N, C-alpha and C. Protein backbone atom coordinates (compact mmCIF):
# COMPACT_ATOMS: atom_id res chain seq x y z
N MET A 1 38.79 9.66 54.90
CA MET A 1 38.22 9.23 53.61
C MET A 1 37.31 10.33 53.06
N PRO A 2 37.40 10.68 51.78
CA PRO A 2 36.57 11.73 51.20
C PRO A 2 35.09 11.40 51.27
N ARG A 3 34.27 12.46 51.31
CA ARG A 3 32.81 12.30 51.38
C ARG A 3 32.28 12.05 49.97
N LEU A 4 32.25 10.79 49.58
CA LEU A 4 31.82 10.43 48.23
C LEU A 4 30.34 10.09 48.24
N CYS A 5 29.72 10.24 47.10
CA CYS A 5 28.30 9.92 47.02
C CYS A 5 27.95 9.47 45.62
N CYS A 6 26.85 8.77 45.53
CA CYS A 6 26.33 8.31 44.24
C CYS A 6 24.82 8.49 44.25
N ILE A 7 24.31 9.21 43.26
CA ILE A 7 22.86 9.41 43.15
C ILE A 7 22.38 8.72 41.90
N ILE A 8 21.40 7.86 42.05
CA ILE A 8 20.83 7.13 40.92
C ILE A 8 19.52 7.80 40.54
N ASP A 9 19.39 8.18 39.29
CA ASP A 9 18.17 8.83 38.86
C ASP A 9 17.62 8.15 37.63
N GLU A 10 16.36 8.36 37.36
CA GLU A 10 15.74 7.87 36.14
C GLU A 10 15.95 8.93 35.07
N VAL A 11 15.89 8.48 33.80
CA VAL A 11 16.19 9.40 32.73
C VAL A 11 14.96 9.88 32.03
N PHE A 12 15.00 11.16 31.68
CA PHE A 12 14.02 11.77 30.80
C PHE A 12 12.58 11.64 31.26
N LEU A 13 12.33 11.90 32.55
CA LEU A 13 10.94 12.03 33.00
C LEU A 13 10.49 13.44 32.68
N ARG A 14 9.35 13.59 32.06
CA ARG A 14 8.82 14.90 31.74
C ARG A 14 7.53 15.13 32.50
N GLU A 15 7.19 16.40 32.70
CA GLU A 15 5.92 16.70 33.35
C GLU A 15 4.79 16.32 32.40
N GLY A 16 3.79 15.68 32.94
CA GLY A 16 2.68 15.22 32.12
C GLY A 16 1.71 16.34 31.79
N GLN A 17 0.73 16.02 30.98
CA GLN A 17 -0.32 16.96 30.67
C GLN A 17 -1.22 17.10 31.88
N ARG A 18 -2.06 18.13 31.87
CA ARG A 18 -2.93 18.36 33.02
C ARG A 18 -3.81 17.15 33.30
N LYS A 19 -4.34 16.57 32.26
CA LYS A 19 -5.13 15.34 32.42
C LYS A 19 -4.18 14.17 32.17
N MET A 20 -3.65 13.62 33.25
CA MET A 20 -2.64 12.58 33.12
C MET A 20 -3.29 11.24 32.85
N THR A 21 -2.61 10.41 32.07
CA THR A 21 -3.14 9.11 31.71
C THR A 21 -2.13 8.03 32.06
N GLN A 22 -2.60 6.81 32.07
CA GLN A 22 -1.77 5.68 32.45
C GLN A 22 -1.92 4.57 31.43
N ILE A 23 -0.80 4.06 30.96
CA ILE A 23 -0.81 2.95 30.01
C ILE A 23 -0.63 1.67 30.80
N PRO A 24 -1.51 0.70 30.62
CA PRO A 24 -1.41 -0.55 31.39
C PRO A 24 -0.05 -1.21 31.23
N ALA A 25 0.48 -1.73 32.33
CA ALA A 25 1.82 -2.33 32.32
C ALA A 25 1.91 -3.50 31.35
N HIS A 26 0.85 -4.28 31.24
CA HIS A 26 0.93 -5.45 30.37
C HIS A 26 1.02 -5.04 28.90
N ARG A 27 0.49 -3.85 28.57
CA ARG A 27 0.59 -3.36 27.19
C ARG A 27 2.01 -2.88 26.90
N LEU A 28 2.65 -2.27 27.88
CA LEU A 28 4.04 -1.86 27.72
C LEU A 28 4.93 -3.08 27.55
N GLU A 29 4.65 -4.11 28.32
CA GLU A 29 5.42 -5.35 28.21
C GLU A 29 5.24 -5.98 26.85
N GLU A 30 4.04 -5.88 26.30
CA GLU A 30 3.77 -6.42 24.97
C GLU A 30 4.59 -5.69 23.91
N ILE A 31 4.73 -4.38 24.07
CA ILE A 31 5.55 -3.60 23.13
C ILE A 31 6.99 -4.08 23.21
N ARG A 32 7.51 -4.26 24.43
CA ARG A 32 8.89 -4.73 24.61
C ARG A 32 9.09 -6.09 23.95
N ASN A 33 8.11 -6.95 24.06
CA ASN A 33 8.23 -8.29 23.50
C ASN A 33 8.18 -8.29 21.98
N ARG A 34 7.48 -7.32 21.40
CA ARG A 34 7.32 -7.29 19.95
C ARG A 34 8.48 -6.61 19.22
N LEU A 35 9.17 -5.72 19.93
CA LEU A 35 10.23 -4.94 19.30
C LEU A 35 11.60 -5.30 19.85
N ASP A 36 12.61 -5.14 19.00
CA ASP A 36 13.99 -5.38 19.40
C ASP A 36 14.71 -4.04 19.43
N ILE A 37 15.38 -3.73 20.53
CA ILE A 37 16.02 -2.43 20.66
C ILE A 37 17.10 -2.20 19.60
N VAL A 38 17.77 -3.28 19.19
CA VAL A 38 18.80 -3.14 18.16
C VAL A 38 18.18 -2.66 16.85
N GLU A 39 17.06 -3.23 16.49
CA GLU A 39 16.38 -2.84 15.26
C GLU A 39 15.89 -1.40 15.33
N VAL A 40 15.34 -1.01 16.47
CA VAL A 40 14.83 0.36 16.63
C VAL A 40 15.97 1.37 16.57
N VAL A 41 17.04 1.12 17.33
CA VAL A 41 18.17 2.05 17.35
C VAL A 41 18.83 2.12 15.98
N SER A 42 18.86 1.00 15.26
CA SER A 42 19.49 0.95 13.93
C SER A 42 18.78 1.84 12.92
N SER A 43 17.54 2.19 13.20
CA SER A 43 16.84 3.09 12.28
C SER A 43 17.26 4.55 12.50
N TYR A 44 18.07 4.79 13.54
CA TYR A 44 18.57 6.13 13.82
C TYR A 44 20.07 6.25 13.59
N ILE A 45 20.82 5.22 13.97
CA ILE A 45 22.27 5.25 13.80
C ILE A 45 22.75 3.90 13.27
N GLU A 46 23.92 3.91 12.67
CA GLU A 46 24.51 2.67 12.16
C GLU A 46 25.18 1.92 13.30
N LEU A 47 24.81 0.68 13.48
CA LEU A 47 25.38 -0.15 14.53
C LEU A 47 26.22 -1.27 13.93
N LYS A 48 27.30 -1.61 14.62
CA LYS A 48 28.15 -2.72 14.19
C LYS A 48 28.28 -3.72 15.33
N LYS A 49 28.30 -4.99 14.99
CA LYS A 49 28.42 -6.06 15.99
C LYS A 49 29.79 -5.99 16.64
N ALA A 50 29.80 -6.08 17.96
CA ALA A 50 31.05 -6.09 18.72
C ALA A 50 30.89 -7.08 19.86
N GLY A 51 31.25 -8.33 19.60
CA GLY A 51 31.03 -9.37 20.60
C GLY A 51 29.55 -9.65 20.77
N ARG A 52 29.07 -9.58 22.00
CA ARG A 52 27.66 -9.84 22.27
C ARG A 52 26.80 -8.59 22.09
N ASN A 53 27.44 -7.44 21.93
CA ASN A 53 26.72 -6.18 21.83
C ASN A 53 26.89 -5.55 20.45
N TYR A 54 26.29 -4.37 20.30
CA TYR A 54 26.43 -3.57 19.09
C TYR A 54 26.93 -2.19 19.50
N VAL A 55 27.76 -1.58 18.65
CA VAL A 55 28.29 -0.25 18.96
C VAL A 55 28.08 0.68 17.78
N GLY A 56 28.06 1.98 18.08
CA GLY A 56 27.92 2.98 17.03
C GLY A 56 28.21 4.36 17.59
N LEU A 57 28.18 5.36 16.71
CA LEU A 57 28.38 6.74 17.14
C LEU A 57 27.11 7.24 17.82
N CYS A 58 27.28 7.88 18.95
CA CYS A 58 26.13 8.31 19.75
C CYS A 58 25.30 9.36 19.00
N LEU A 59 24.00 9.21 19.09
CA LEU A 59 23.07 10.14 18.47
C LEU A 59 22.95 11.43 19.27
N PHE A 60 23.35 11.40 20.54
CA PHE A 60 23.04 12.49 21.45
C PHE A 60 24.20 13.43 21.75
N HIS A 61 25.37 13.14 21.24
CA HIS A 61 26.48 14.09 21.36
C HIS A 61 27.49 13.80 20.26
N PRO A 62 28.25 14.81 19.81
CA PRO A 62 29.22 14.60 18.74
C PRO A 62 30.41 13.77 19.21
N GLU A 63 30.82 12.81 18.41
CA GLU A 63 31.99 12.01 18.74
C GLU A 63 32.56 11.39 17.47
N LYS A 64 33.83 11.06 17.51
CA LYS A 64 34.50 10.45 16.37
C LYS A 64 34.70 8.96 16.55
N SER A 65 34.81 8.53 17.79
CA SER A 65 34.96 7.10 18.08
C SER A 65 33.68 6.60 18.74
N PRO A 66 33.17 5.45 18.30
CA PRO A 66 31.90 4.96 18.85
C PRO A 66 31.97 4.61 20.33
N SER A 67 31.10 5.22 21.11
CA SER A 67 31.02 4.91 22.54
C SER A 67 29.61 4.51 22.94
N PHE A 68 28.73 4.38 21.95
CA PHE A 68 27.33 4.05 22.18
C PHE A 68 27.15 2.54 22.03
N THR A 69 26.70 1.88 23.08
CA THR A 69 26.59 0.42 23.10
C THR A 69 25.14 -0.01 23.29
N VAL A 70 24.73 -1.02 22.53
CA VAL A 70 23.38 -1.58 22.65
C VAL A 70 23.50 -3.06 22.98
N SER A 71 22.79 -3.49 24.00
CA SER A 71 22.81 -4.89 24.41
C SER A 71 21.51 -5.57 23.99
N PRO A 72 21.56 -6.48 23.00
CA PRO A 72 20.34 -7.20 22.61
C PRO A 72 19.86 -8.14 23.71
N GLU A 73 20.80 -8.62 24.52
CA GLU A 73 20.44 -9.54 25.60
C GLU A 73 19.64 -8.83 26.69
N LYS A 74 20.10 -7.64 27.07
CA LYS A 74 19.44 -6.89 28.14
C LYS A 74 18.38 -5.93 27.60
N GLN A 75 18.39 -5.71 26.27
CA GLN A 75 17.48 -4.74 25.65
C GLN A 75 17.67 -3.34 26.26
N LEU A 76 18.95 -2.97 26.43
CA LEU A 76 19.32 -1.68 26.98
C LEU A 76 20.40 -1.03 26.12
N TYR A 77 20.55 0.29 26.26
CA TYR A 77 21.63 1.01 25.59
C TYR A 77 22.36 1.88 26.62
N HIS A 78 23.63 2.19 26.32
CA HIS A 78 24.40 3.08 27.19
C HIS A 78 25.49 3.74 26.37
N CYS A 79 25.66 5.05 26.58
CA CYS A 79 26.76 5.77 25.94
C CYS A 79 27.81 6.08 26.99
N PHE A 80 29.03 5.65 26.76
CA PHE A 80 30.10 5.90 27.71
C PHE A 80 30.69 7.29 27.54
N GLY A 81 30.21 8.02 26.52
CA GLY A 81 30.68 9.39 26.31
C GLY A 81 29.84 10.41 27.05
N CYS A 82 28.52 10.38 26.82
CA CYS A 82 27.62 11.36 27.46
C CYS A 82 26.80 10.78 28.59
N GLN A 83 26.96 9.48 28.85
CA GLN A 83 26.28 8.78 29.95
C GLN A 83 24.78 8.63 29.77
N SER A 84 24.27 8.86 28.57
CA SER A 84 22.85 8.58 28.34
C SER A 84 22.66 7.07 28.31
N GLY A 85 21.48 6.62 28.68
CA GLY A 85 21.23 5.19 28.68
C GLY A 85 19.81 4.89 29.08
N GLY A 86 19.40 3.66 28.85
CA GLY A 86 18.04 3.27 29.20
C GLY A 86 17.54 2.14 28.34
N ASN A 87 16.24 2.13 28.14
CA ASN A 87 15.61 1.05 27.37
C ASN A 87 15.00 1.59 26.08
N LEU A 88 14.17 0.78 25.48
CA LEU A 88 13.52 1.13 24.23
C LEU A 88 12.76 2.45 24.33
N PHE A 89 12.03 2.63 25.41
CA PHE A 89 11.18 3.80 25.57
C PHE A 89 12.01 5.07 25.79
N THR A 90 13.03 4.99 26.65
CA THR A 90 13.83 6.18 26.92
C THR A 90 14.64 6.59 25.69
N PHE A 91 15.03 5.62 24.86
CA PHE A 91 15.75 5.98 23.64
C PHE A 91 14.87 6.82 22.72
N ILE A 92 13.62 6.39 22.52
CA ILE A 92 12.71 7.14 21.66
C ILE A 92 12.39 8.50 22.27
N MET A 93 12.21 8.56 23.59
CA MET A 93 11.98 9.84 24.25
C MET A 93 13.12 10.80 23.97
N GLN A 94 14.35 10.31 24.06
CA GLN A 94 15.52 11.16 23.87
C GLN A 94 15.73 11.48 22.40
N ALA A 95 15.55 10.51 21.54
CA ALA A 95 15.79 10.71 20.11
C ALA A 95 14.76 11.64 19.48
N GLU A 96 13.51 11.51 19.90
CA GLU A 96 12.42 12.29 19.30
C GLU A 96 12.05 13.52 20.13
N GLY A 97 12.56 13.61 21.36
CA GLY A 97 12.22 14.73 22.22
C GLY A 97 10.76 14.72 22.64
N ILE A 98 10.25 13.55 23.00
CA ILE A 98 8.84 13.40 23.35
C ILE A 98 8.69 12.80 24.74
N SER A 99 7.47 12.82 25.26
CA SER A 99 7.19 12.30 26.60
C SER A 99 7.09 10.78 26.57
N PHE A 100 7.03 10.18 27.76
CA PHE A 100 6.92 8.72 27.83
C PHE A 100 5.64 8.21 27.16
N PRO A 101 4.46 8.78 27.45
CA PRO A 101 3.25 8.29 26.77
C PRO A 101 3.35 8.40 25.25
N GLU A 102 3.93 9.51 24.78
CA GLU A 102 4.08 9.69 23.33
C GLU A 102 5.02 8.63 22.76
N ALA A 103 6.10 8.33 23.49
CA ALA A 103 7.04 7.31 23.03
C ALA A 103 6.37 5.94 23.00
N ALA A 104 5.53 5.66 24.01
CA ALA A 104 4.83 4.38 24.06
C ALA A 104 3.89 4.22 22.87
N HIS A 105 3.15 5.28 22.53
CA HIS A 105 2.24 5.22 21.38
C HIS A 105 3.04 5.10 20.07
N TYR A 106 4.16 5.80 20.00
CA TYR A 106 5.02 5.73 18.81
C TYR A 106 5.50 4.30 18.59
N LEU A 107 5.99 3.67 19.65
CA LEU A 107 6.50 2.31 19.53
C LEU A 107 5.38 1.30 19.32
N ALA A 108 4.22 1.58 19.90
CA ALA A 108 3.07 0.69 19.69
C ALA A 108 2.69 0.66 18.21
N ARG A 109 2.66 1.83 17.58
CA ARG A 109 2.35 1.88 16.15
C ARG A 109 3.40 1.11 15.36
N ARG A 110 4.64 1.25 15.76
CA ARG A 110 5.72 0.52 15.07
C ARG A 110 5.55 -0.99 15.23
N ALA A 111 4.99 -1.40 16.36
CA ALA A 111 4.78 -2.82 16.64
C ALA A 111 3.43 -3.31 16.11
N GLY A 112 2.68 -2.43 15.45
CA GLY A 112 1.38 -2.82 14.91
C GLY A 112 0.31 -2.92 15.96
N MET A 113 0.43 -2.11 17.01
CA MET A 113 -0.54 -2.13 18.11
C MET A 113 -1.21 -0.76 18.24
N GLU A 114 -2.34 -0.75 18.93
CA GLU A 114 -2.99 0.50 19.31
C GLU A 114 -3.16 0.51 20.82
N LEU A 115 -2.81 1.63 21.44
CA LEU A 115 -2.90 1.74 22.89
C LEU A 115 -4.07 2.62 23.29
N GLU A 116 -4.72 2.23 24.38
CA GLU A 116 -5.76 3.06 24.98
C GLU A 116 -5.32 3.44 26.38
N ASP A 117 -5.30 4.73 26.65
CA ASP A 117 -4.87 5.21 27.96
C ASP A 117 -5.98 5.06 28.99
N GLU A 118 -5.58 4.80 30.21
CA GLU A 118 -6.52 4.73 31.32
C GLU A 118 -6.36 5.99 32.18
N PRO A 119 -7.43 6.77 32.38
CA PRO A 119 -7.31 7.98 33.21
C PRO A 119 -6.84 7.66 34.62
N ARG A 120 -5.98 8.51 35.15
CA ARG A 120 -5.50 8.33 36.52
C ARG A 120 -6.37 9.13 37.48
N SER A 121 -6.46 8.64 38.69
CA SER A 121 -7.21 9.33 39.73
C SER A 121 -6.44 10.57 40.16
N PRO A 122 -7.13 11.56 40.78
CA PRO A 122 -6.42 12.75 41.28
C PRO A 122 -5.27 12.40 42.22
N ALA A 123 -5.45 11.38 43.06
CA ALA A 123 -4.38 10.98 43.98
C ALA A 123 -3.17 10.45 43.21
N GLU A 124 -3.43 9.68 42.15
CA GLU A 124 -2.33 9.15 41.34
C GLU A 124 -1.62 10.28 40.60
N GLN A 125 -2.40 11.26 40.13
CA GLN A 125 -1.80 12.41 39.45
C GLN A 125 -0.89 13.19 40.40
N GLN A 126 -1.36 13.39 41.64
CA GLN A 126 -0.56 14.10 42.63
C GLN A 126 0.71 13.33 42.96
N LYS A 127 0.59 12.02 43.08
CA LYS A 127 1.75 11.17 43.36
C LYS A 127 2.76 11.24 42.23
N GLU A 128 2.28 11.26 40.99
CA GLU A 128 3.17 11.33 39.83
C GLU A 128 3.87 12.68 39.76
N ARG A 129 3.14 13.76 40.08
CA ARG A 129 3.77 15.08 40.08
C ARG A 129 4.87 15.16 41.14
N LEU A 130 4.60 14.58 42.33
CA LEU A 130 5.61 14.58 43.38
C LEU A 130 6.81 13.75 42.96
N ARG A 131 6.55 12.62 42.34
CA ARG A 131 7.65 11.75 41.89
C ARG A 131 8.53 12.47 40.87
N ALA A 132 7.90 13.20 39.94
CA ALA A 132 8.66 13.94 38.94
C ALA A 132 9.52 15.02 39.60
N LEU A 133 8.96 15.71 40.61
CA LEU A 133 9.72 16.73 41.33
C LEU A 133 10.89 16.13 42.09
N LEU A 134 10.65 14.97 42.71
CA LEU A 134 11.72 14.30 43.45
C LEU A 134 12.86 13.88 42.52
N LEU A 135 12.50 13.42 41.34
CA LEU A 135 13.52 13.02 40.38
C LEU A 135 14.32 14.23 39.90
N LYS A 136 13.64 15.35 39.70
CA LYS A 136 14.34 16.56 39.30
C LYS A 136 15.26 17.06 40.40
N ALA A 137 14.78 16.97 41.65
CA ALA A 137 15.62 17.36 42.78
C ALA A 137 16.84 16.44 42.88
N GLY A 138 16.62 15.15 42.65
CA GLY A 138 17.73 14.19 42.66
C GLY A 138 18.75 14.48 41.58
N ALA A 139 18.26 14.86 40.39
CA ALA A 139 19.17 15.18 39.28
C ALA A 139 19.97 16.44 39.61
N THR A 140 19.33 17.43 40.24
CA THR A 140 20.03 18.65 40.64
C THR A 140 21.12 18.33 41.66
N ALA A 141 20.79 17.47 42.63
CA ALA A 141 21.77 17.07 43.64
C ALA A 141 22.94 16.33 43.00
N ARG A 142 22.62 15.44 42.06
CA ARG A 142 23.68 14.69 41.38
C ARG A 142 24.65 15.63 40.66
N GLU A 143 24.09 16.61 39.94
CA GLU A 143 24.94 17.57 39.23
C GLU A 143 25.79 18.38 40.20
N TYR A 144 25.21 18.72 41.35
CA TYR A 144 25.94 19.47 42.38
C TYR A 144 27.14 18.67 42.88
N PHE A 145 26.92 17.40 43.21
CA PHE A 145 28.00 16.56 43.72
C PHE A 145 29.06 16.29 42.64
N GLN A 146 28.61 16.08 41.41
CA GLN A 146 29.56 15.82 40.33
C GLN A 146 30.41 17.06 40.04
N PHE A 147 29.78 18.24 40.11
CA PHE A 147 30.54 19.48 39.92
C PHE A 147 31.65 19.57 40.95
N HIS A 148 31.33 19.29 42.21
CA HIS A 148 32.34 19.40 43.28
C HIS A 148 33.41 18.32 43.17
N LEU A 149 33.09 17.19 42.55
CA LEU A 149 34.11 16.16 42.36
C LEU A 149 35.11 16.57 41.28
N TRP A 150 34.59 17.11 40.16
CA TRP A 150 35.44 17.36 39.00
C TRP A 150 36.01 18.78 38.94
N ARG A 151 35.37 19.73 39.63
CA ARG A 151 35.74 21.13 39.41
C ARG A 151 36.28 21.85 40.64
N THR A 152 36.44 21.18 41.76
CA THR A 152 36.96 21.85 42.97
C THR A 152 38.23 21.16 43.45
N SER A 153 39.02 21.90 44.23
CA SER A 153 40.29 21.33 44.73
C SER A 153 40.03 20.18 45.69
N ALA A 154 39.02 20.33 46.56
CA ALA A 154 38.68 19.23 47.47
C ALA A 154 38.20 18.02 46.69
N GLY A 155 37.46 18.28 45.63
CA GLY A 155 36.98 17.19 44.79
C GLY A 155 38.11 16.46 44.09
N GLN A 156 39.16 17.19 43.72
CA GLN A 156 40.30 16.56 43.07
C GLN A 156 40.98 15.57 44.00
N GLU A 157 40.99 15.89 45.29
CA GLU A 157 41.55 14.95 46.26
C GLU A 157 40.69 13.68 46.32
N ALA A 158 39.37 13.87 46.29
CA ALA A 158 38.47 12.72 46.29
C ALA A 158 38.63 11.91 45.01
N LEU A 159 38.82 12.60 43.89
CA LEU A 159 39.00 11.93 42.61
C LEU A 159 40.28 11.10 42.63
N ALA A 160 41.34 11.66 43.19
CA ALA A 160 42.60 10.93 43.29
C ALA A 160 42.42 9.69 44.17
N TYR A 161 41.63 9.82 45.22
CA TYR A 161 41.35 8.68 46.10
C TYR A 161 40.65 7.56 45.33
N LEU A 162 39.64 7.93 44.53
CA LEU A 162 38.92 6.93 43.74
C LEU A 162 39.85 6.23 42.75
N GLN A 163 40.72 7.01 42.13
CA GLN A 163 41.65 6.43 41.16
C GLN A 163 42.65 5.50 41.84
N ARG A 164 43.06 5.86 43.05
CA ARG A 164 43.96 4.96 43.80
C ARG A 164 43.25 3.67 44.15
N ARG A 165 41.93 3.73 44.28
CA ARG A 165 41.14 2.53 44.57
C ARG A 165 40.89 1.70 43.32
N GLY A 166 41.40 2.16 42.18
CA GLY A 166 41.29 1.38 40.95
C GLY A 166 40.14 1.75 40.04
N LEU A 167 39.41 2.83 40.36
CA LEU A 167 38.29 3.24 39.52
C LEU A 167 38.78 4.12 38.39
N THR A 168 38.39 3.80 37.17
CA THR A 168 38.77 4.61 36.02
C THR A 168 37.81 5.80 35.89
N GLU A 169 38.22 6.78 35.09
CA GLU A 169 37.35 7.94 34.85
C GLU A 169 36.03 7.50 34.23
N GLN A 170 36.10 6.53 33.33
CA GLN A 170 34.90 6.02 32.67
C GLN A 170 33.93 5.41 33.69
N THR A 171 34.46 4.64 34.64
CA THR A 171 33.62 4.02 35.67
C THR A 171 33.01 5.07 36.59
N ILE A 172 33.80 6.05 36.98
CA ILE A 172 33.32 7.11 37.87
C ILE A 172 32.15 7.86 37.23
N LYS A 173 32.28 8.14 35.94
CA LYS A 173 31.20 8.85 35.24
C LYS A 173 29.99 7.94 35.02
N ALA A 174 30.24 6.68 34.70
CA ALA A 174 29.14 5.75 34.44
C ALA A 174 28.26 5.56 35.66
N PHE A 175 28.88 5.53 36.85
CA PHE A 175 28.11 5.33 38.09
C PHE A 175 27.73 6.65 38.76
N LYS A 176 28.02 7.76 38.07
CA LYS A 176 27.59 9.10 38.53
C LYS A 176 28.08 9.39 39.95
N LEU A 177 29.34 9.07 40.21
CA LEU A 177 29.90 9.34 41.53
C LEU A 177 30.15 10.83 41.69
N GLY A 178 30.03 11.32 42.91
CA GLY A 178 30.26 12.73 43.18
C GLY A 178 30.94 12.93 44.51
N TYR A 179 31.15 14.19 44.86
CA TYR A 179 31.81 14.53 46.13
C TYR A 179 30.92 15.50 46.91
N ALA A 180 30.67 15.18 48.18
CA ALA A 180 29.87 16.04 49.05
C ALA A 180 30.80 16.94 49.85
N PRO A 181 30.81 18.23 49.55
CA PRO A 181 31.71 19.14 50.28
C PRO A 181 31.32 19.28 51.74
N ALA A 182 32.26 19.74 52.55
CA ALA A 182 32.00 19.93 53.98
C ALA A 182 30.91 20.99 54.18
N GLY A 183 30.18 20.86 55.27
CA GLY A 183 29.09 21.81 55.54
C GLY A 183 27.75 21.18 55.25
N TRP A 184 26.73 21.61 55.98
CA TRP A 184 25.42 20.97 55.87
C TRP A 184 24.47 21.71 54.94
N ASN A 185 24.77 22.98 54.62
CA ASN A 185 23.79 23.77 53.89
C ASN A 185 24.10 23.97 52.42
N GLY A 186 25.20 23.39 51.93
CA GLY A 186 25.56 23.60 50.53
C GLY A 186 24.52 23.06 49.57
N LEU A 187 24.14 21.80 49.76
CA LEU A 187 23.15 21.19 48.88
C LEU A 187 21.78 21.83 49.08
N THR A 188 21.44 22.15 50.34
CA THR A 188 20.16 22.80 50.61
C THR A 188 20.04 24.12 49.84
N SER A 189 21.12 24.90 49.86
CA SER A 189 21.12 26.17 49.14
C SER A 189 21.00 25.96 47.64
N GLU A 190 21.68 24.92 47.14
CA GLU A 190 21.62 24.63 45.70
C GLU A 190 20.21 24.23 45.29
N LEU A 191 19.57 23.38 46.08
CA LEU A 191 18.20 22.98 45.77
C LEU A 191 17.25 24.17 45.85
N SER A 192 17.45 25.02 46.84
CA SER A 192 16.61 26.21 46.99
C SER A 192 16.78 27.14 45.79
N ARG A 193 18.01 27.25 45.30
CA ARG A 193 18.28 28.10 44.14
C ARG A 193 17.54 27.62 42.90
N HIS A 194 17.26 26.31 42.85
CA HIS A 194 16.53 25.74 41.71
C HIS A 194 15.03 25.62 41.99
N GLY A 195 14.58 26.20 43.10
CA GLY A 195 13.15 26.25 43.36
C GLY A 195 12.58 25.11 44.19
N PHE A 196 13.45 24.28 44.79
CA PHE A 196 12.98 23.17 45.62
C PHE A 196 13.00 23.59 47.08
N ASP A 197 11.89 23.36 47.80
CA ASP A 197 11.86 23.74 49.21
C ASP A 197 12.52 22.67 50.08
N GLY A 198 12.71 23.01 51.35
CA GLY A 198 13.41 22.11 52.26
C GLY A 198 12.70 20.80 52.46
N GLU A 199 11.36 20.83 52.52
CA GLU A 199 10.60 19.60 52.74
C GLU A 199 10.78 18.64 51.58
N LEU A 200 10.78 19.18 50.36
CA LEU A 200 10.98 18.33 49.19
C LEU A 200 12.38 17.74 49.20
N GLY A 201 13.37 18.54 49.62
CA GLY A 201 14.73 18.04 49.70
C GLY A 201 14.86 16.89 50.68
N MET A 202 14.14 16.96 51.80
CA MET A 202 14.15 15.88 52.78
C MET A 202 13.54 14.61 52.19
N LYS A 203 12.45 14.76 51.43
CA LYS A 203 11.81 13.60 50.81
C LYS A 203 12.71 12.98 49.75
N ALA A 204 13.48 13.82 49.05
CA ALA A 204 14.39 13.31 48.02
C ALA A 204 15.57 12.60 48.63
N GLY A 205 15.80 12.80 49.93
CA GLY A 205 16.91 12.13 50.61
C GLY A 205 18.22 12.82 50.36
């Protein structure tokens, strides 16, 4: 059986400012409750009702047929073309090219709210920096495995195996499946090439 893998990562985490701040969770929840993702996304792209969801042309890559789906029930979006997806906050981060705190303040103003940031302790700042690095390392690993699935001869065998198991190309891309080539140092070398040390790679799993 081919060495298949799936890496799940969060989207659009950016490095914070030197003085990192924290927005209270209950305030973020209040923003979610006041705003509807369909209404917010509709101010950027034209959406059309399609069953329980809404569809439109993706804002983040060129396309002729709509592959961008918004779920009012789940308050989430997903593009089956470029695989972007997330919630209200990640959409604004991606659409405006801004950080999470900036997106939160942007949406708060849209909801008629004002947010006050709470300073984080040095330990929390260090934890957040490590978390951001781990996510970047995970994204690098995901790209490495996906490259080997789609662009190598061994990966083509793994891809054929997945298709025989009934997985479509769309499903494989949506779940970010990849192929781990033989050998123990391939991923380690790739992470090192991107500036991640061995200890960080171990923490990233």
